[in-house]
N, C-alpha and C. Protein backbone atom coordinates (compact mmCIF):
# COMPACT_ATOMS: atom_id res chain seq x y z
N MET A 1 0.89 -1.14 -0.02
CA MET A 1 -0.02 -0.01 0.05
C MET A 1 0.91 1.25 0.05
N THR A 2 0.27 2.30 -0.39
CA THR A 2 1.05 3.67 -0.38
C THR A 2 0.20 4.52 0.50
N LEU A 3 0.94 5.14 1.49
CA LEU A 3 0.22 6.10 2.47
C LEU A 3 0.76 7.44 1.97
N ARG A 4 -0.10 8.38 1.78
CA ARG A 4 0.31 9.77 1.59
C ARG A 4 -0.17 10.57 2.66
N VAL A 5 0.69 10.97 3.61
CA VAL A 5 0.36 11.60 4.93
C VAL A 5 0.70 12.99 4.85
N GLN A 6 -0.32 13.80 5.04
CA GLN A 6 -0.10 15.27 5.08
C GLN A 6 0.39 15.64 6.57
N VAL A 7 1.47 16.46 6.60
CA VAL A 7 1.96 16.85 7.91
C VAL A 7 2.05 18.35 8.05
N GLY A 8 2.02 18.82 9.32
CA GLY A 8 2.14 20.23 9.62
C GLY A 8 3.49 20.50 10.06
N PRO A 9 3.73 21.82 10.43
CA PRO A 9 4.98 22.23 10.93
C PRO A 9 5.38 21.54 12.26
N PRO A 10 6.57 21.23 12.48
CA PRO A 10 6.94 20.54 13.67
C PRO A 10 6.95 21.46 14.92
N THR A 11 6.53 20.87 16.08
CA THR A 11 6.78 21.58 17.36
C THR A 11 8.14 21.11 17.93
N GLU A 12 9.01 21.99 18.17
CA GLU A 12 10.39 21.70 18.66
C GLU A 12 10.33 21.67 20.18
N LEU A 13 10.44 20.58 20.76
CA LEU A 13 10.45 20.50 22.21
C LEU A 13 11.89 20.85 22.66
N GLY A 14 12.85 20.54 21.83
CA GLY A 14 14.24 20.87 22.26
C GLY A 14 15.01 19.62 22.65
N ASP A 15 16.19 19.91 23.17
CA ASP A 15 17.17 18.83 23.61
C ASP A 15 16.60 18.18 24.83
N VAL A 16 16.51 16.80 24.75
CA VAL A 16 16.13 15.92 25.83
C VAL A 16 17.28 14.97 25.92
N PRO A 17 17.22 14.06 26.94
CA PRO A 17 18.40 13.14 27.17
C PRO A 17 18.81 12.34 25.96
N ARG A 18 17.84 11.92 25.10
CA ARG A 18 18.19 11.10 23.97
C ARG A 18 18.56 11.80 22.74
N GLY A 19 18.20 13.07 22.71
CA GLY A 19 18.40 13.87 21.51
C GLY A 19 17.47 15.04 21.36
N ARG A 20 17.22 15.52 20.18
CA ARG A 20 16.26 16.65 20.03
C ARG A 20 14.90 16.12 19.69
N ARG A 21 13.81 16.47 20.60
CA ARG A 21 12.49 15.99 20.35
C ARG A 21 11.81 16.90 19.44
N ARG A 22 11.11 16.39 18.45
CA ARG A 22 10.27 17.08 17.54
C ARG A 22 8.99 16.30 17.43
N ILE A 23 7.80 17.12 17.43
CA ILE A 23 6.54 16.44 17.29
C ILE A 23 5.89 17.04 16.06
N ILE A 24 5.66 16.21 15.04
CA ILE A 24 5.07 16.59 13.70
C ILE A 24 3.59 16.13 13.59
N PRO A 25 2.68 17.10 13.58
CA PRO A 25 1.34 16.72 13.53
C PRO A 25 0.87 16.04 12.22
N ILE A 26 0.01 15.14 12.27
CA ILE A 26 -0.53 14.53 11.01
C ILE A 26 -1.94 15.17 10.82
N LEU A 27 -2.02 15.74 9.61
CA LEU A 27 -3.18 16.56 9.24
C LEU A 27 -4.27 15.80 8.41
N GLY A 28 -3.84 14.61 7.83
CA GLY A 28 -4.83 14.02 6.90
C GLY A 28 -3.99 13.22 5.88
N GLY A 29 -4.66 12.88 4.87
CA GLY A 29 -4.10 12.16 3.74
C GLY A 29 -4.84 11.02 3.16
N THR A 30 -4.21 10.14 2.45
CA THR A 30 -4.96 8.97 1.82
C THR A 30 -3.99 7.76 1.99
N PHE A 31 -4.60 6.61 1.76
CA PHE A 31 -3.90 5.34 1.62
C PHE A 31 -4.57 4.44 0.66
N GLU A 32 -3.75 3.66 -0.06
CA GLU A 32 -4.38 2.79 -1.07
C GLU A 32 -3.52 1.59 -1.32
N GLY A 33 -4.07 0.42 -1.32
CA GLY A 33 -3.39 -0.82 -1.55
C GLY A 33 -4.36 -1.73 -2.32
N PRO A 34 -3.78 -2.91 -2.74
CA PRO A 34 -4.70 -3.89 -3.46
C PRO A 34 -5.92 -4.32 -2.69
N GLU A 35 -5.86 -4.41 -1.36
CA GLU A 35 -7.00 -4.94 -0.59
C GLU A 35 -7.65 -3.91 0.35
N VAL A 36 -7.07 -2.73 0.36
CA VAL A 36 -7.62 -1.70 1.30
C VAL A 36 -7.31 -0.30 0.83
N ARG A 37 -8.20 0.64 1.11
CA ARG A 37 -7.92 2.08 0.78
C ARG A 37 -8.87 2.94 1.56
N GLY A 38 -8.44 4.22 1.72
CA GLY A 38 -9.22 5.10 2.47
C GLY A 38 -8.51 6.36 2.82
N LYS A 39 -8.77 6.93 3.90
CA LYS A 39 -8.21 8.32 4.26
C LYS A 39 -7.40 8.15 5.59
N VAL A 40 -6.45 9.04 5.79
CA VAL A 40 -5.69 9.28 6.94
C VAL A 40 -6.54 10.18 7.83
N VAL A 41 -6.80 9.82 9.03
CA VAL A 41 -7.62 10.64 9.96
C VAL A 41 -6.67 11.61 10.62
N PRO A 42 -7.08 12.98 10.55
CA PRO A 42 -6.21 14.00 11.22
C PRO A 42 -6.17 13.64 12.72
N GLY A 43 -5.03 14.07 13.29
CA GLY A 43 -4.90 13.98 14.78
C GLY A 43 -3.78 13.16 15.35
N GLY A 44 -3.11 12.34 14.52
CA GLY A 44 -1.90 11.68 14.98
C GLY A 44 -0.68 12.54 14.90
N ALA A 45 0.46 11.94 15.24
CA ALA A 45 1.71 12.67 15.16
C ALA A 45 2.89 11.73 15.00
N ASP A 46 3.97 12.29 14.55
CA ASP A 46 5.31 11.63 14.49
C ASP A 46 6.08 12.21 15.66
N TRP A 47 6.48 11.36 16.66
CA TRP A 47 7.17 11.78 17.87
C TRP A 47 8.62 11.46 17.67
N GLN A 48 9.35 12.36 17.07
CA GLN A 48 10.75 12.07 16.60
C GLN A 48 11.72 12.51 17.71
N ILE A 49 12.83 11.70 17.67
CA ILE A 49 14.05 12.06 18.31
C ILE A 49 15.15 12.28 17.23
N VAL A 50 15.81 13.32 17.09
CA VAL A 50 16.89 13.49 16.23
C VAL A 50 18.14 13.43 17.00
N ARG A 51 18.91 12.45 16.83
CA ARG A 51 20.20 12.17 17.61
C ARG A 51 21.28 13.20 17.18
N ALA A 52 22.33 13.28 17.99
CA ALA A 52 23.44 14.20 17.74
C ALA A 52 24.11 13.93 16.32
N ASP A 53 24.15 12.67 15.94
CA ASP A 53 24.70 12.23 14.72
C ASP A 53 23.76 12.41 13.53
N GLY A 54 22.59 13.06 13.66
CA GLY A 54 21.69 13.29 12.61
C GLY A 54 20.69 12.33 12.31
N LEU A 55 20.73 11.13 12.81
CA LEU A 55 19.83 10.05 12.64
C LEU A 55 18.47 10.43 13.34
N ALA A 56 17.42 10.32 12.53
CA ALA A 56 16.06 10.56 13.26
C ALA A 56 15.37 9.23 13.55
N GLU A 57 15.03 9.05 14.78
CA GLU A 57 14.20 7.86 15.18
C GLU A 57 12.85 8.33 15.12
N LEU A 58 11.98 7.58 14.34
CA LEU A 58 10.62 7.92 13.98
C LEU A 58 9.64 7.09 14.75
N ASP A 59 8.57 7.69 15.26
CA ASP A 59 7.51 6.87 15.95
C ASP A 59 6.24 7.59 15.66
N THR A 60 5.60 7.19 14.52
CA THR A 60 4.36 7.82 14.14
C THR A 60 3.25 6.96 14.56
N ARG A 61 2.10 7.63 15.00
CA ARG A 61 0.95 6.91 15.44
C ARG A 61 -0.29 7.67 15.03
N TYR A 62 -1.16 7.03 14.25
CA TYR A 62 -2.31 7.71 13.68
C TYR A 62 -3.40 6.70 13.22
N LEU A 63 -4.50 7.19 12.86
CA LEU A 63 -5.62 6.32 12.47
C LEU A 63 -5.84 6.45 10.92
N LEU A 64 -6.21 5.31 10.33
CA LEU A 64 -6.74 5.18 9.02
C LEU A 64 -8.16 4.80 9.07
N GLN A 65 -8.89 5.30 8.03
CA GLN A 65 -10.24 4.95 7.93
C GLN A 65 -10.60 4.41 6.54
N THR A 66 -11.06 3.21 6.41
CA THR A 66 -11.29 2.56 5.13
C THR A 66 -12.47 3.26 4.45
N GLU A 67 -12.68 3.06 3.14
CA GLU A 67 -13.76 3.56 2.42
C GLU A 67 -15.05 3.05 3.07
N SER A 68 -15.11 1.89 3.69
CA SER A 68 -16.27 1.34 4.34
C SER A 68 -16.45 1.87 5.75
N GLY A 69 -15.58 2.72 6.21
CA GLY A 69 -15.68 3.32 7.58
C GLY A 69 -14.95 2.51 8.73
N LYS A 70 -14.24 1.45 8.39
CA LYS A 70 -13.49 0.66 9.37
C LYS A 70 -12.24 1.40 9.73
N LEU A 71 -11.92 1.45 11.08
CA LEU A 71 -10.72 2.17 11.65
C LEU A 71 -9.60 1.14 11.72
N ILE A 72 -8.42 1.70 11.41
CA ILE A 72 -7.16 0.90 11.53
C ILE A 72 -6.18 1.90 12.32
N TYR A 73 -5.63 1.43 13.44
CA TYR A 73 -4.52 2.17 14.05
C TYR A 73 -3.19 1.71 13.58
N ILE A 74 -2.40 2.67 13.14
CA ILE A 74 -1.02 2.30 12.66
C ILE A 74 0.03 2.97 13.51
N GLN A 75 0.94 2.17 13.93
CA GLN A 75 2.15 2.69 14.47
C GLN A 75 3.34 2.36 13.59
N ASN A 76 4.06 3.35 13.16
CA ASN A 76 5.08 3.21 12.20
C ASN A 76 6.41 3.64 12.85
N ALA A 77 7.17 2.77 13.21
CA ALA A 77 8.46 2.91 13.71
C ALA A 77 9.56 2.90 12.62
N GLY A 78 10.53 3.81 12.65
CA GLY A 78 11.56 3.76 11.64
C GLY A 78 12.74 4.61 11.93
N ILE A 79 13.55 4.71 11.01
CA ILE A 79 14.76 5.58 11.03
C ILE A 79 14.94 6.28 9.64
N ARG A 80 15.61 7.51 9.80
CA ARG A 80 15.86 8.30 8.66
C ARG A 80 17.18 8.93 8.82
N HIS A 81 18.10 8.79 7.91
CA HIS A 81 19.33 9.62 7.93
C HIS A 81 19.91 9.92 6.58
N ALA A 82 20.69 10.89 6.47
CA ALA A 82 21.25 11.41 5.24
C ALA A 82 22.58 12.18 5.55
N PRO A 83 23.30 12.52 4.49
CA PRO A 83 24.45 13.34 4.73
C PRO A 83 23.98 14.60 5.51
N PRO A 84 25.02 15.29 6.25
CA PRO A 84 24.58 16.42 7.07
C PRO A 84 23.97 17.57 6.38
N ASP A 85 24.33 17.85 5.06
CA ASP A 85 23.78 18.90 4.27
C ASP A 85 22.37 18.66 3.96
N VAL A 86 22.04 17.36 3.60
CA VAL A 86 20.69 16.90 3.26
C VAL A 86 19.83 16.92 4.48
N THR A 87 20.33 16.40 5.65
CA THR A 87 19.64 16.43 6.85
C THR A 87 19.20 17.85 7.32
N LYS A 88 20.12 18.77 7.10
CA LYS A 88 19.89 20.18 7.51
C LYS A 88 18.56 20.71 6.66
N LYS A 89 18.61 20.35 5.34
CA LYS A 89 17.46 20.81 4.46
C LYS A 89 16.20 20.04 4.94
N LEU A 90 16.15 18.72 5.21
CA LEU A 90 15.08 18.00 5.78
C LEU A 90 14.54 18.63 6.95
N LEU A 91 15.36 18.91 7.97
CA LEU A 91 14.87 19.52 9.21
C LEU A 91 14.36 20.92 9.01
N ALA A 92 14.76 21.63 7.93
CA ALA A 92 14.25 22.90 7.70
C ALA A 92 12.94 22.78 6.82
N GLY A 93 12.48 21.69 6.50
CA GLY A 93 11.27 21.51 5.68
C GLY A 93 11.56 21.85 4.17
N GLU A 94 12.79 21.72 3.73
CA GLU A 94 13.06 21.93 2.37
C GLU A 94 13.10 20.70 1.56
N PRO A 95 12.71 20.70 0.19
CA PRO A 95 12.67 19.51 -0.59
C PRO A 95 14.07 19.02 -0.82
N VAL A 96 14.33 17.66 -0.85
CA VAL A 96 15.55 16.92 -1.07
C VAL A 96 15.33 15.78 -2.00
N ASP A 97 16.33 15.40 -2.67
CA ASP A 97 16.32 14.17 -3.48
C ASP A 97 16.14 12.96 -2.64
N PRO A 98 15.02 12.17 -2.74
CA PRO A 98 14.79 11.04 -1.88
C PRO A 98 15.88 9.99 -2.01
N ALA A 99 16.59 9.94 -3.04
CA ALA A 99 17.74 8.95 -3.25
C ALA A 99 18.82 9.22 -2.28
N GLN A 100 18.91 10.45 -1.73
CA GLN A 100 19.97 10.79 -0.76
C GLN A 100 19.62 10.44 0.71
N VAL A 101 18.44 9.97 0.88
CA VAL A 101 18.02 9.72 2.28
C VAL A 101 17.68 8.29 2.47
N TYR A 102 18.14 7.72 3.59
CA TYR A 102 17.79 6.37 4.06
C TYR A 102 16.56 6.60 5.01
N PHE A 103 15.39 6.00 4.55
CA PHE A 103 14.19 6.23 5.25
C PHE A 103 13.41 4.97 5.24
N LYS A 104 13.52 4.16 6.28
CA LYS A 104 12.87 2.81 6.32
C LYS A 104 11.99 2.72 7.58
N THR A 105 10.87 1.97 7.42
CA THR A 105 9.94 1.84 8.53
C THR A 105 9.48 0.35 8.76
N VAL A 106 8.86 0.12 9.85
CA VAL A 106 8.22 -1.11 10.19
C VAL A 106 6.86 -0.88 10.80
N PRO A 107 5.85 -0.73 9.92
CA PRO A 107 4.48 -0.39 10.42
C PRO A 107 3.81 -1.71 11.06
N THR A 108 3.05 -1.37 12.07
CA THR A 108 2.17 -2.39 12.74
C THR A 108 0.78 -1.85 12.78
N PHE A 109 -0.25 -2.76 12.68
CA PHE A 109 -1.63 -2.28 12.60
C PHE A 109 -2.47 -2.99 13.62
N GLU A 110 -3.46 -2.25 14.12
CA GLU A 110 -4.49 -2.81 14.93
C GLU A 110 -5.85 -2.44 14.44
N THR A 111 -6.78 -3.29 14.41
CA THR A 111 -8.16 -3.09 14.05
C THR A 111 -9.01 -4.09 14.69
N SER A 112 -10.29 -3.69 14.81
CA SER A 112 -11.33 -4.71 15.34
C SER A 112 -12.10 -5.28 14.19
N ALA A 113 -11.94 -4.83 12.91
CA ALA A 113 -12.69 -5.30 11.82
C ALA A 113 -12.25 -6.69 11.45
N PRO A 114 -13.14 -7.68 11.49
CA PRO A 114 -12.81 -9.10 11.16
C PRO A 114 -12.22 -9.26 9.76
N GLU A 115 -12.66 -8.60 8.83
CA GLU A 115 -12.11 -8.69 7.44
C GLU A 115 -10.75 -8.09 7.22
N LEU A 116 -10.25 -7.35 8.23
CA LEU A 116 -8.87 -6.70 8.10
C LEU A 116 -7.91 -7.31 9.12
N GLN A 117 -8.25 -8.54 9.68
CA GLN A 117 -7.32 -9.10 10.67
C GLN A 117 -6.01 -9.53 10.00
N TRP A 118 -6.01 -9.68 8.74
CA TRP A 118 -4.65 -9.97 8.09
C TRP A 118 -3.67 -8.89 8.25
N LEU A 119 -4.05 -7.69 8.49
CA LEU A 119 -3.13 -6.63 8.83
C LEU A 119 -2.46 -6.83 10.17
N THR A 120 -3.15 -7.44 11.12
CA THR A 120 -2.65 -7.64 12.42
C THR A 120 -1.89 -8.92 12.55
N ARG A 121 -1.82 -9.79 11.50
CA ARG A 121 -1.18 -11.09 11.46
C ARG A 121 -0.12 -11.16 10.51
N SER A 122 0.54 -10.02 10.13
CA SER A 122 1.56 -10.05 9.17
C SER A 122 2.66 -9.04 9.49
N ILE A 123 3.81 -9.23 9.02
CA ILE A 123 4.89 -8.37 9.12
C ILE A 123 4.92 -7.45 7.88
N PHE A 124 5.18 -6.12 8.10
CA PHE A 124 5.26 -5.26 7.02
C PHE A 124 6.58 -4.46 7.17
N VAL A 125 7.11 -4.01 5.99
CA VAL A 125 8.24 -3.03 5.95
C VAL A 125 7.89 -1.95 5.05
N GLY A 126 8.45 -0.84 5.14
CA GLY A 126 8.19 0.23 4.36
C GLY A 126 9.38 1.17 3.97
N THR A 127 9.27 1.98 2.96
CA THR A 127 10.27 2.95 2.58
C THR A 127 9.51 4.24 2.54
N GLY A 128 10.20 5.30 3.01
CA GLY A 128 9.56 6.61 3.09
C GLY A 128 10.28 7.64 2.32
N GLU A 129 9.45 8.75 1.94
CA GLU A 129 9.94 9.93 1.20
C GLU A 129 9.41 11.12 1.92
N ARG A 130 10.21 12.03 2.46
CA ARG A 130 9.75 13.25 3.09
C ARG A 130 9.70 14.46 2.15
N LEU A 131 8.47 14.98 1.94
CA LEU A 131 8.40 16.16 1.17
C LEU A 131 8.00 17.26 2.11
N PRO A 132 8.09 18.56 1.73
CA PRO A 132 7.81 19.61 2.71
C PRO A 132 6.61 19.60 3.50
N THR A 133 5.47 19.12 2.90
CA THR A 133 4.15 19.06 3.58
C THR A 133 3.52 17.67 3.57
N GLU A 134 4.26 16.58 3.18
CA GLU A 134 3.73 15.34 2.98
C GLU A 134 4.80 14.33 3.20
N VAL A 135 4.43 13.09 3.71
CA VAL A 135 5.29 11.95 3.73
C VAL A 135 4.63 10.90 2.99
N ILE A 136 5.40 10.23 2.13
CA ILE A 136 4.86 9.10 1.35
C ILE A 136 5.60 7.91 1.84
N VAL A 137 4.79 6.92 2.27
CA VAL A 137 5.38 5.67 2.73
C VAL A 137 4.82 4.54 1.88
N ARG A 138 5.69 3.75 1.28
CA ARG A 138 5.29 2.62 0.47
C ARG A 138 5.53 1.39 1.38
N VAL A 139 4.48 0.57 1.55
CA VAL A 139 4.50 -0.53 2.49
C VAL A 139 4.31 -1.83 1.77
N TRP A 140 5.11 -2.81 2.20
CA TRP A 140 4.97 -4.17 1.58
C TRP A 140 4.77 -5.19 2.78
N ARG A 141 3.94 -6.16 2.46
CA ARG A 141 3.69 -7.25 3.38
C ARG A 141 4.80 -8.37 3.10
N VAL A 142 5.33 -8.79 4.16
CA VAL A 142 6.41 -9.90 3.96
C VAL A 142 5.69 -11.13 3.83
N GLU A 143 5.95 -11.90 2.85
CA GLU A 143 5.28 -13.12 2.54
C GLU A 143 6.11 -14.26 3.20
């Protein structure tokens, strides 16, 4: 599936023991795959830690709603890093060449919908692309 997640400007909490804490709000978006599609529900966030070496530890949590109204909770843990000049642009919200950025995730899903339990019984991996106001995550189910 492909997730197109609209994001707002980050809130900078500042330096904490593990690094620099940033909270990026999730404003909406869409998702689409061969067996499921719908919208990203506004209200989640990415609770990032940016370490001193520039690596960003990602912890996104938000809701998806299928076209039929079923809710899916997604937690998408990952990491993102790039050369220092590219990282500086990313953190400033500037566009960068996705080929210069290592951005990988491991999404997990929760839902009460019986027809979507396959999401809760599989391992998924993803690759991400950070744009100024959107994150695109392509997700694959490991067979």
